[in-house]
């Protein structure tokens, strides 16, 4: 988990709504935003931060020795975030881990590179959070959980103790996952759902109790 008292200059990748929310968080940390990369680079700035270029400029910007954070949103499809993450790693770029000042993160947990922990989120002891994840505002991940790579725990979602959440998962706003539950890779859990049984295959799940639906 990367945390530093010095101001590290970072570049944000993705200039949409999630980027704006991330900027709010990053401004409370010890990172300095150098600018934003957006897909088409057709805007001048995002909340006052300069657009440095488009996806086509990634290689040249990595060579300028910045660190990075992906600020592309993720609901059903994690692939845009994953593709950018893997490309930057191939270019030997570095990612930061951003933890907002109002978040509560146990010193006994681990958080992977490229993950952001947003306003008032909580991560409790003996929990492991993967790489390139989003723990959105007021999300709660309790003790002894494992959250896989490229996973988004959305606003005010609750993951209770001893849960294992797979890779590339989306847990919707105000959802509750009961203690000890296992959730497979590539699962989408809709907003307000309650998960009381293991989800062992990919799919979209909604409701209380949760049930699988077709798209």
Foldseek 3Di string as FASTA:
>chain_A
DDADQAAAEEEEEAQDDLVLQVVVQQVQGSYDYQAYEHAQLPDQHHPPGGHPYYPVCLLVVQVVVHAYAYRDDDAQDLVVLVVVVVVCVVSVHHFAEGEGPQEAEDPQEEAEGNEYAGHPEYEEHLEYHEHNEYEEHLEYEYHNEYHEASEYEYANEYEDEQEYEYYNEYAEACEYEDYNEYEYHQAHEYHNEYDDHHHHDHAYWYDDPIDGDHD
